[in-house]
Amino acid sequence: MMQKFLAALSTTTVIVMGVAGCTSNETQDTTTSSEPVIQKVFSDTKTIDGVALKYPEGTPELRLFRVELPVGSKIPLHTHPAPMMVYVQGENSGDLLVTQVMPDGTEVQREFKAGKAFIEGGDTPHFVQNQSDETTIIWVTVAGVKGMPTTNFVK
């Protein structure tokens, strides 16, 4: 069951990264080649804070989200119960600032430029914001299970 789940996650990731690169209605010029071009964009076995990936028990469910963060917007403090791959759209997108709040209250900030990807899904609370001068667009693939929330907001 886990092998099927991981194979589906891998396939979805390739599709997501291909879709994420499409930012206009223009069609690709196929006169030079009709061969598909597949480029590995990102992979990892750990979250951004070094925690090994763990998949939740239950009926596997992959989710794909496209999130637009207008200039100055913020998604408040939260965690994720399942692993998720986040890709900051490579074109026509601002950057993403991720701030993790550590158990001792200190904050660790990481900035992800357009075209970069990372994995979340640990227990470390964090918030994300757009401090760039254009809308930030992120593509998120969640490897969850049916009935599990994608995000748990911290009060």
N, C-alpha and C. Protein backbone atom coordinates (compact mmCIF):
# COMPACT_ATOMS: atom_id res chain seq x y z
N MET A 1 0.83 -1.19 0.00
CA MET A 1 0.00 0.00 0.00
C MET A 1 0.88 1.25 0.00
N MET A 2 1.94 1.27 0.85
CA MET A 2 2.81 2.45 0.92
C MET A 2 3.55 2.64 -0.39
N GLN A 3 3.94 1.53 -1.06
CA GLN A 3 4.64 1.66 -2.34
C GLN A 3 3.74 2.33 -3.37
N LYS A 4 2.45 1.95 -3.41
CA LYS A 4 1.51 2.58 -4.35
C LYS A 4 1.35 4.06 -4.02
N PHE A 5 1.28 4.36 -2.73
CA PHE A 5 1.13 5.74 -2.29
C PHE A 5 2.33 6.58 -2.71
N LEU A 6 3.55 6.06 -2.47
CA LEU A 6 4.76 6.80 -2.83
C LEU A 6 4.89 6.94 -4.34
N ALA A 7 4.49 5.92 -5.09
CA ALA A 7 4.53 6.02 -6.55
C ALA A 7 3.56 7.10 -7.03
N ALA A 8 2.37 7.15 -6.43
CA ALA A 8 1.39 8.18 -6.80
C ALA A 8 1.90 9.56 -6.44
N LEU A 9 2.55 9.68 -5.28
CA LEU A 9 3.11 10.96 -4.87
C LEU A 9 4.19 11.42 -5.85
N SER A 10 5.04 10.50 -6.25
CA SER A 10 6.10 10.83 -7.20
C SER A 10 5.53 11.30 -8.52
N THR A 11 4.53 10.59 -9.04
CA THR A 11 3.90 10.97 -10.30
C THR A 11 3.23 12.33 -10.18
N THR A 12 2.52 12.56 -9.09
CA THR A 12 1.84 13.83 -8.89
C THR A 12 2.85 14.96 -8.82
N THR A 13 3.98 14.72 -8.17
CA THR A 13 5.00 15.77 -8.05
C THR A 13 5.51 16.17 -9.42
N VAL A 14 5.76 15.20 -10.30
CA VAL A 14 6.22 15.52 -11.65
C VAL A 14 5.17 16.36 -12.37
N ILE A 15 3.90 15.97 -12.24
CA ILE A 15 2.82 16.72 -12.89
C ILE A 15 2.74 18.12 -12.32
N VAL A 16 2.81 18.24 -10.99
CA VAL A 16 2.73 19.55 -10.34
C VAL A 16 3.84 20.46 -10.83
N MET A 17 5.05 19.96 -10.86
CA MET A 17 6.16 20.80 -11.28
C MET A 17 6.02 21.21 -12.74
N GLY A 18 5.47 20.34 -13.56
CA GLY A 18 5.22 20.70 -14.95
C GLY A 18 4.16 21.76 -15.06
N VAL A 19 3.07 21.60 -14.30
CA VAL A 19 2.00 22.58 -14.31
C VAL A 19 2.47 23.91 -13.74
N ALA A 20 3.29 23.85 -12.69
CA ALA A 20 3.75 25.08 -12.05
C ALA A 20 4.56 25.94 -13.00
N GLY A 21 5.22 25.33 -13.96
CA GLY A 21 6.00 26.10 -14.91
C GLY A 21 5.16 26.77 -15.98
N CYS A 22 3.91 26.40 -16.09
CA CYS A 22 3.02 26.97 -17.12
C CYS A 22 2.36 28.22 -16.55
N THR A 23 2.80 29.38 -17.01
CA THR A 23 2.26 30.61 -16.44
C THR A 23 1.54 31.46 -17.47
N SER A 24 1.36 30.94 -18.69
CA SER A 24 0.64 31.72 -19.68
C SER A 24 -0.21 30.77 -20.51
N ASN A 25 -1.04 31.35 -21.37
CA ASN A 25 -1.90 30.56 -22.23
C ASN A 25 -1.21 30.19 -23.53
N GLU A 26 0.04 30.58 -23.69
CA GLU A 26 0.77 30.28 -24.91
C GLU A 26 1.05 28.79 -24.98
N THR A 27 1.05 28.24 -26.20
CA THR A 27 1.38 26.84 -26.37
C THR A 27 2.87 26.70 -26.64
N GLN A 28 3.41 25.56 -26.27
CA GLN A 28 4.83 25.30 -26.46
C GLN A 28 5.10 25.04 -27.93
N ASP A 29 6.19 25.58 -28.46
CA ASP A 29 6.59 25.36 -29.84
C ASP A 29 7.09 23.93 -29.96
N THR A 30 6.36 23.11 -30.70
CA THR A 30 6.73 21.71 -30.85
C THR A 30 7.37 21.43 -32.20
N THR A 31 7.69 22.47 -32.95
CA THR A 31 8.28 22.25 -34.27
C THR A 31 9.70 21.73 -34.17
N THR A 32 10.41 22.01 -33.09
CA THR A 32 11.79 21.58 -32.97
C THR A 32 11.91 20.18 -32.38
N SER A 33 10.99 19.78 -31.54
CA SER A 33 11.06 18.47 -30.93
C SER A 33 9.70 18.05 -30.43
N SER A 34 9.39 16.80 -30.61
CA SER A 34 8.13 16.29 -30.08
C SER A 34 8.36 15.41 -28.87
N GLU A 35 9.60 15.40 -28.39
CA GLU A 35 9.94 14.59 -27.23
C GLU A 35 9.62 15.34 -25.94
N PRO A 36 9.06 14.64 -24.95
CA PRO A 36 8.82 15.28 -23.65
C PRO A 36 10.14 15.66 -22.99
N VAL A 37 10.10 16.72 -22.23
CA VAL A 37 11.26 17.15 -21.45
C VAL A 37 10.88 17.04 -19.99
N ILE A 38 11.56 16.19 -19.27
CA ILE A 38 11.28 15.99 -17.85
C ILE A 38 12.51 16.41 -17.08
N GLN A 39 12.32 17.35 -16.17
CA GLN A 39 13.43 17.87 -15.38
C GLN A 39 13.09 17.70 -13.91
N LYS A 40 13.95 17.04 -13.17
CA LYS A 40 13.75 16.92 -11.73
C LYS A 40 13.99 18.30 -11.12
N VAL A 41 12.99 18.82 -10.44
CA VAL A 41 13.06 20.14 -9.85
C VAL A 41 13.54 20.08 -8.41
N PHE A 42 13.07 19.08 -7.66
CA PHE A 42 13.38 19.04 -6.24
C PHE A 42 13.04 17.68 -5.66
N SER A 43 13.82 17.23 -4.71
CA SER A 43 13.46 16.07 -3.90
C SER A 43 14.21 16.16 -2.58
N ASP A 44 13.66 15.56 -1.56
CA ASP A 44 14.31 15.53 -0.26
C ASP A 44 13.64 14.46 0.59
N THR A 45 14.26 14.08 1.69
CA THR A 45 13.71 13.09 2.60
C THR A 45 13.38 13.69 3.95
N LYS A 46 13.64 15.02 4.07
CA LYS A 46 13.43 15.71 5.34
C LYS A 46 12.72 17.04 5.13
N THR A 47 12.08 17.53 6.19
CA THR A 47 11.45 18.84 6.17
C THR A 47 12.51 19.93 6.25
N ILE A 48 12.11 21.20 6.13
CA ILE A 48 13.08 22.29 6.15
C ILE A 48 13.85 22.38 7.46
N ASP A 49 13.29 21.82 8.54
CA ASP A 49 14.03 21.84 9.81
C ASP A 49 14.71 20.51 10.11
N GLY A 50 14.89 19.66 9.07
CA GLY A 50 15.68 18.45 9.22
C GLY A 50 14.97 17.24 9.77
N VAL A 51 13.65 17.28 9.90
CA VAL A 51 12.89 16.15 10.43
C VAL A 51 12.58 15.17 9.29
N ALA A 52 12.84 13.88 9.52
CA ALA A 52 12.57 12.86 8.50
C ALA A 52 11.07 12.82 8.19
N LEU A 53 10.76 12.63 6.91
CA LEU A 53 9.35 12.55 6.50
C LEU A 53 8.67 11.35 7.14
N LYS A 54 7.42 11.56 7.57
CA LYS A 54 6.60 10.47 8.08
C LYS A 54 5.21 10.61 7.48
N TYR A 55 4.71 9.51 6.96
CA TYR A 55 3.40 9.52 6.33
C TYR A 55 2.35 9.07 7.32
N PRO A 56 1.20 9.73 7.34
CA PRO A 56 0.13 9.36 8.27
C PRO A 56 -0.53 8.04 7.88
N GLU A 57 -1.10 7.37 8.86
CA GLU A 57 -1.85 6.14 8.62
C GLU A 57 -3.25 6.49 8.14
N GLY A 58 -3.79 5.65 7.28
CA GLY A 58 -5.15 5.87 6.77
C GLY A 58 -5.18 5.70 5.26
N THR A 59 -6.30 6.08 4.66
CA THR A 59 -6.46 5.99 3.21
C THR A 59 -5.72 7.14 2.55
N PRO A 60 -4.66 6.85 1.78
CA PRO A 60 -3.86 7.91 1.17
C PRO A 60 -4.70 8.85 0.30
N GLU A 61 -4.35 10.12 0.36
CA GLU A 61 -5.02 11.12 -0.47
C GLU A 61 -3.99 12.20 -0.80
N LEU A 62 -3.79 12.45 -2.09
CA LEU A 62 -2.92 13.53 -2.53
C LEU A 62 -3.78 14.75 -2.81
N ARG A 63 -3.28 15.91 -2.41
CA ARG A 63 -3.99 17.17 -2.65
C ARG A 63 -3.04 18.14 -3.32
N LEU A 64 -3.58 18.95 -4.20
CA LEU A 64 -2.79 19.97 -4.88
C LEU A 64 -3.48 21.31 -4.70
N PHE A 65 -2.72 22.30 -4.23
CA PHE A 65 -3.25 23.65 -4.04
C PHE A 65 -2.39 24.66 -4.78
N ARG A 66 -3.04 25.67 -5.32
CA ARG A 66 -2.35 26.85 -5.86
C ARG A 66 -2.73 27.99 -4.93
N VAL A 67 -1.75 28.61 -4.31
CA VAL A 67 -2.00 29.65 -3.31
C VAL A 67 -1.40 30.96 -3.79
N GLU A 68 -2.19 32.02 -3.78
CA GLU A 68 -1.71 33.36 -4.11
C GLU A 68 -1.63 34.19 -2.84
N LEU A 69 -0.45 34.74 -2.59
CA LEU A 69 -0.25 35.61 -1.44
C LEU A 69 0.01 37.02 -1.96
N PRO A 70 -0.97 37.92 -1.85
CA PRO A 70 -0.75 39.30 -2.29
C PRO A 70 0.39 39.94 -1.49
N VAL A 71 0.93 41.01 -2.02
CA VAL A 71 2.02 41.73 -1.35
C VAL A 71 1.59 42.06 0.08
N GLY A 72 2.44 41.74 1.04
CA GLY A 72 2.18 42.04 2.45
C GLY A 72 1.29 41.04 3.17
N SER A 73 0.77 40.02 2.49
CA SER A 73 -0.13 39.08 3.16
C SER A 73 0.64 38.03 3.96
N LYS A 74 -0.11 37.39 4.87
CA LYS A 74 0.50 36.43 5.79
C LYS A 74 -0.50 35.33 6.09
N ILE A 75 -0.01 34.09 6.13
CA ILE A 75 -0.81 32.97 6.63
C ILE A 75 -0.34 32.76 8.07
N PRO A 76 -1.28 32.91 9.05
CA PRO A 76 -0.87 32.90 10.46
C PRO A 76 -0.28 31.57 10.94
N LEU A 77 0.22 31.59 12.16
CA LEU A 77 0.91 30.47 12.79
C LEU A 77 0.09 29.18 12.66
N HIS A 78 0.78 28.12 12.17
CA HIS A 78 0.11 26.85 11.93
C HIS A 78 1.12 25.71 11.85
N THR A 79 0.59 24.48 11.81
CA THR A 79 1.39 23.28 11.58
C THR A 79 0.68 22.45 10.52
N HIS A 80 1.35 21.39 10.06
CA HIS A 80 0.76 20.48 9.08
C HIS A 80 0.91 19.05 9.58
N PRO A 81 -0.18 18.28 9.63
CA PRO A 81 -0.10 16.91 10.13
C PRO A 81 0.46 15.91 9.12
N ALA A 82 0.64 16.32 7.88
CA ALA A 82 1.15 15.42 6.84
C ALA A 82 2.22 16.16 6.03
N PRO A 83 3.12 15.42 5.39
CA PRO A 83 4.15 16.07 4.58
C PRO A 83 3.55 16.82 3.39
N MET A 84 4.18 17.93 3.06
CA MET A 84 3.77 18.68 1.89
C MET A 84 4.99 19.27 1.20
N MET A 85 4.95 19.22 -0.12
CA MET A 85 6.00 19.83 -0.92
C MET A 85 5.47 21.19 -1.38
N VAL A 86 6.27 22.23 -1.18
CA VAL A 86 5.89 23.59 -1.55
C VAL A 86 6.85 24.08 -2.63
N TYR A 87 6.29 24.58 -3.72
CA TYR A 87 7.09 25.11 -4.82
C TYR A 87 6.68 26.56 -5.04
N VAL A 88 7.64 27.47 -4.95
CA VAL A 88 7.39 28.89 -5.23
C VAL A 88 7.50 29.03 -6.74
N GLN A 89 6.39 29.40 -7.36
CA GLN A 89 6.33 29.46 -8.82
C GLN A 89 7.54 30.21 -9.38
N GLY A 90 8.12 29.65 -10.44
CA GLY A 90 9.38 30.16 -10.97
C GLY A 90 9.29 31.45 -11.76
N GLU A 91 8.14 31.76 -12.32
CA GLU A 91 7.97 32.99 -13.09
C GLU A 91 6.73 33.71 -12.62
N ASN A 92 6.76 35.02 -12.73
CA ASN A 92 5.61 35.86 -12.34
C ASN A 92 5.21 35.62 -10.89
N SER A 93 6.18 35.52 -10.01
CA SER A 93 5.91 35.29 -8.60
C SER A 93 6.95 35.98 -7.75
N GLY A 94 6.50 36.44 -6.58
CA GLY A 94 7.41 36.98 -5.60
C GLY A 94 8.03 35.86 -4.78
N ASP A 95 8.73 36.23 -3.72
CA ASP A 95 9.40 35.27 -2.85
C ASP A 95 8.50 34.93 -1.66
N LEU A 96 8.88 33.90 -0.91
CA LEU A 96 8.11 33.46 0.25
C LEU A 96 9.03 33.45 1.47
N LEU A 97 8.58 34.08 2.55
CA LEU A 97 9.32 34.07 3.81
C LEU A 97 8.61 33.12 4.77
N VAL A 98 9.35 32.10 5.24
CA VAL A 98 8.82 31.12 6.20
C VAL A 98 9.49 31.40 7.53
N THR A 99 8.69 31.60 8.58
CA THR A 99 9.23 31.84 9.92
C THR A 99 8.76 30.71 10.83
N GLN A 100 9.71 29.92 11.34
CA GLN A 100 9.40 28.85 12.27
C GLN A 100 9.58 29.37 13.69
N VAL A 101 8.65 28.98 14.58
CA VAL A 101 8.74 29.37 15.98
C VAL A 101 9.19 28.13 16.76
N MET A 102 10.40 28.22 17.29
CA MET A 102 11.01 27.08 17.97
C MET A 102 10.44 26.93 19.39
N PRO A 103 10.63 25.75 20.01
CA PRO A 103 10.07 25.52 21.35
C PRO A 103 10.49 26.57 22.39
N ASP A 104 11.69 27.14 22.26
CA ASP A 104 12.14 28.16 23.22
C ASP A 104 11.65 29.56 22.87
N GLY A 105 10.83 29.67 21.80
CA GLY A 105 10.26 30.96 21.42
C GLY A 105 11.07 31.71 20.37
N THR A 106 12.28 31.25 20.07
CA THR A 106 13.06 31.93 19.05
C THR A 106 12.46 31.66 17.67
N GLU A 107 12.74 32.57 16.75
CA GLU A 107 12.22 32.43 15.40
C GLU A 107 13.36 32.17 14.42
N VAL A 108 13.13 31.24 13.51
CA VAL A 108 14.08 30.94 12.45
C VAL A 108 13.40 31.27 11.14
N GLN A 109 14.02 32.18 10.37
CA GLN A 109 13.43 32.61 9.10
C GLN A 109 14.22 32.03 7.93
N ARG A 110 13.46 31.63 6.91
CA ARG A 110 14.04 31.15 5.66
C ARG A 110 13.28 31.81 4.52
N GLU A 111 14.03 32.36 3.56
CA GLU A 111 13.39 32.97 2.40
C GLU A 111 13.58 32.05 1.21
N PHE A 112 12.48 31.81 0.50
CA PHE A 112 12.51 30.97 -0.69
C PHE A 112 12.18 31.83 -1.89
N LYS A 113 13.15 31.94 -2.78
CA LYS A 113 13.02 32.73 -4.00
C LYS A 113 12.15 31.99 -5.01
N ALA A 114 11.64 32.72 -5.98
CA ALA A 114 10.87 32.11 -7.06
C ALA A 114 11.68 30.98 -7.68
N GLY A 115 11.03 29.83 -7.91
CA GLY A 115 11.69 28.68 -8.50
C GLY A 115 12.25 27.70 -7.49
N LYS A 116 12.18 28.01 -6.20
CA LYS A 116 12.70 27.12 -5.16
C LYS A 116 11.56 26.28 -4.56
N ALA A 117 11.94 25.16 -3.97
CA ALA A 117 10.97 24.26 -3.35
C ALA A 117 11.50 23.78 -2.01
N PHE A 118 10.58 23.32 -1.16
CA PHE A 118 10.95 22.79 0.14
C PHE A 118 9.84 21.89 0.64
N ILE A 119 10.11 21.17 1.73
CA ILE A 119 9.13 20.27 2.33
C ILE A 119 8.79 20.75 3.74
N GLU A 120 7.50 20.77 4.03
CA GLU A 120 7.00 21.05 5.38
C GLU A 120 6.28 19.81 5.86
N GLY A 121 5.87 19.83 7.12
CA GLY A 121 5.07 18.73 7.62
C GLY A 121 5.55 18.20 8.96
N GLY A 122 6.33 18.97 9.65
CA GLY A 122 6.74 18.58 10.99
C GLY A 122 5.84 19.24 12.02
N ASP A 123 6.23 19.13 13.27
CA ASP A 123 5.43 19.71 14.35
C ASP A 123 5.82 21.14 14.68
N THR A 124 6.78 21.70 13.96
CA THR A 124 7.24 23.05 14.27
C THR A 124 6.23 24.08 13.75
N PRO A 125 5.63 24.87 14.65
CA PRO A 125 4.70 25.91 14.19
C PRO A 125 5.45 26.94 13.34
N HIS A 126 4.77 27.45 12.34
CA HIS A 126 5.39 28.43 11.46
C HIS A 126 4.31 29.31 10.83
N PHE A 127 4.74 30.43 10.29
CA PHE A 127 3.85 31.26 9.48
C PHE A 127 4.59 31.64 8.23
N VAL A 128 3.84 31.97 7.19
CA VAL A 128 4.45 32.34 5.91
C VAL A 128 3.92 33.70 5.50
N GLN A 129 4.76 34.45 4.80
CA GLN A 129 4.34 35.77 4.36
C GLN A 129 5.06 36.19 3.09
N ASN A 130 4.43 37.13 2.43
CA ASN A 130 4.98 37.71 1.21
C ASN A 130 5.47 39.10 1.54
N GLN A 131 6.79 39.26 1.60
CA GLN A 131 7.37 40.58 1.84
C GLN A 131 8.02 41.13 0.57
N SER A 132 7.74 40.50 -0.57
CA SER A 132 8.30 40.98 -1.83
C SER A 132 7.37 42.02 -2.44
N ASP A 133 7.69 42.49 -3.61
CA ASP A 133 6.92 43.57 -4.22
C ASP A 133 5.95 43.10 -5.30
N GLU A 134 5.68 41.78 -5.35
CA GLU A 134 4.68 41.25 -6.26
C GLU A 134 4.01 40.04 -5.61
N THR A 135 2.85 39.66 -6.12
CA THR A 135 2.14 38.51 -5.60
C THR A 135 3.02 37.27 -5.65
N THR A 136 3.04 36.52 -4.55
CA THR A 136 3.77 35.26 -4.50
C THR A 136 2.78 34.13 -4.78
N ILE A 137 3.15 33.26 -5.69
CA ILE A 137 2.30 32.11 -6.03
C ILE A 137 3.05 30.85 -5.64
N ILE A 138 2.40 30.03 -4.81
CA ILE A 138 3.00 28.76 -4.41
C ILE A 138 2.09 27.61 -4.82
N TRP A 139 2.71 26.51 -5.17
CA TRP A 139 2.01 25.26 -5.48
C TRP A 139 2.35 24.29 -4.36
N VAL A 140 1.32 23.69 -3.77
CA VAL A 140 1.50 22.82 -2.62
C VAL A 140 0.88 21.45 -2.91
N THR A 141 1.71 20.40 -2.78
CA THR A 141 1.22 19.03 -2.89
C THR A 141 1.27 18.43 -1.50
N VAL A 142 0.13 17.95 -1.03
CA VAL A 142 0.02 17.38 0.31
C VAL A 142 -0.14 15.87 0.21
N ALA A 143 0.67 15.13 0.95
CA ALA A 143 0.58 13.67 1.01
C ALA A 143 -0.14 13.30 2.30
N GLY A 144 -1.46 13.49 2.30
CA GLY A 144 -2.26 13.25 3.50
C GLY A 144 -3.07 11.98 3.42
N VAL A 145 -4.10 11.93 4.24
CA VAL A 145 -5.06 10.83 4.22
C VAL A 145 -6.46 11.43 4.27
N LYS A 146 -7.41 10.66 3.75
CA LYS A 146 -8.80 11.13 3.73
C LYS A 146 -9.24 11.55 5.13
N GLY A 147 -9.90 12.70 5.19
CA GLY A 147 -10.43 13.20 6.46
C GLY A 147 -9.45 13.99 7.30
N MET A 148 -8.18 13.99 6.94
CA MET A 148 -7.18 14.72 7.72
C MET A 148 -7.11 16.16 7.22
N PRO A 149 -7.08 17.13 8.14
CA PRO A 149 -6.94 18.53 7.69
C PRO A 149 -5.55 18.75 7.09
N THR A 150 -5.46 19.72 6.20
CA THR A 150 -4.18 20.07 5.62
C THR A 150 -3.37 20.95 6.57
N THR A 151 -4.08 21.84 7.28
CA THR A 151 -3.44 22.83 8.14
C THR A 151 -4.14 22.88 9.48
N ASN A 152 -3.37 22.97 10.56
CA ASN A 152 -3.90 23.17 11.91
C ASN A 152 -3.39 24.53 12.39
N PHE A 153 -4.29 25.48 12.55
CA PHE A 153 -3.88 26.82 13.01
C PHE A 153 -3.64 26.81 14.51
N VAL A 154 -2.59 27.50 14.94
CA VAL A 154 -2.21 27.57 16.34
C VAL A 154 -2.85 28.82 16.93
N LYS A 155 -3.52 28.67 18.06
CA LYS A 155 -4.18 29.81 18.71
C LYS A 155 -3.30 30.39 19.79
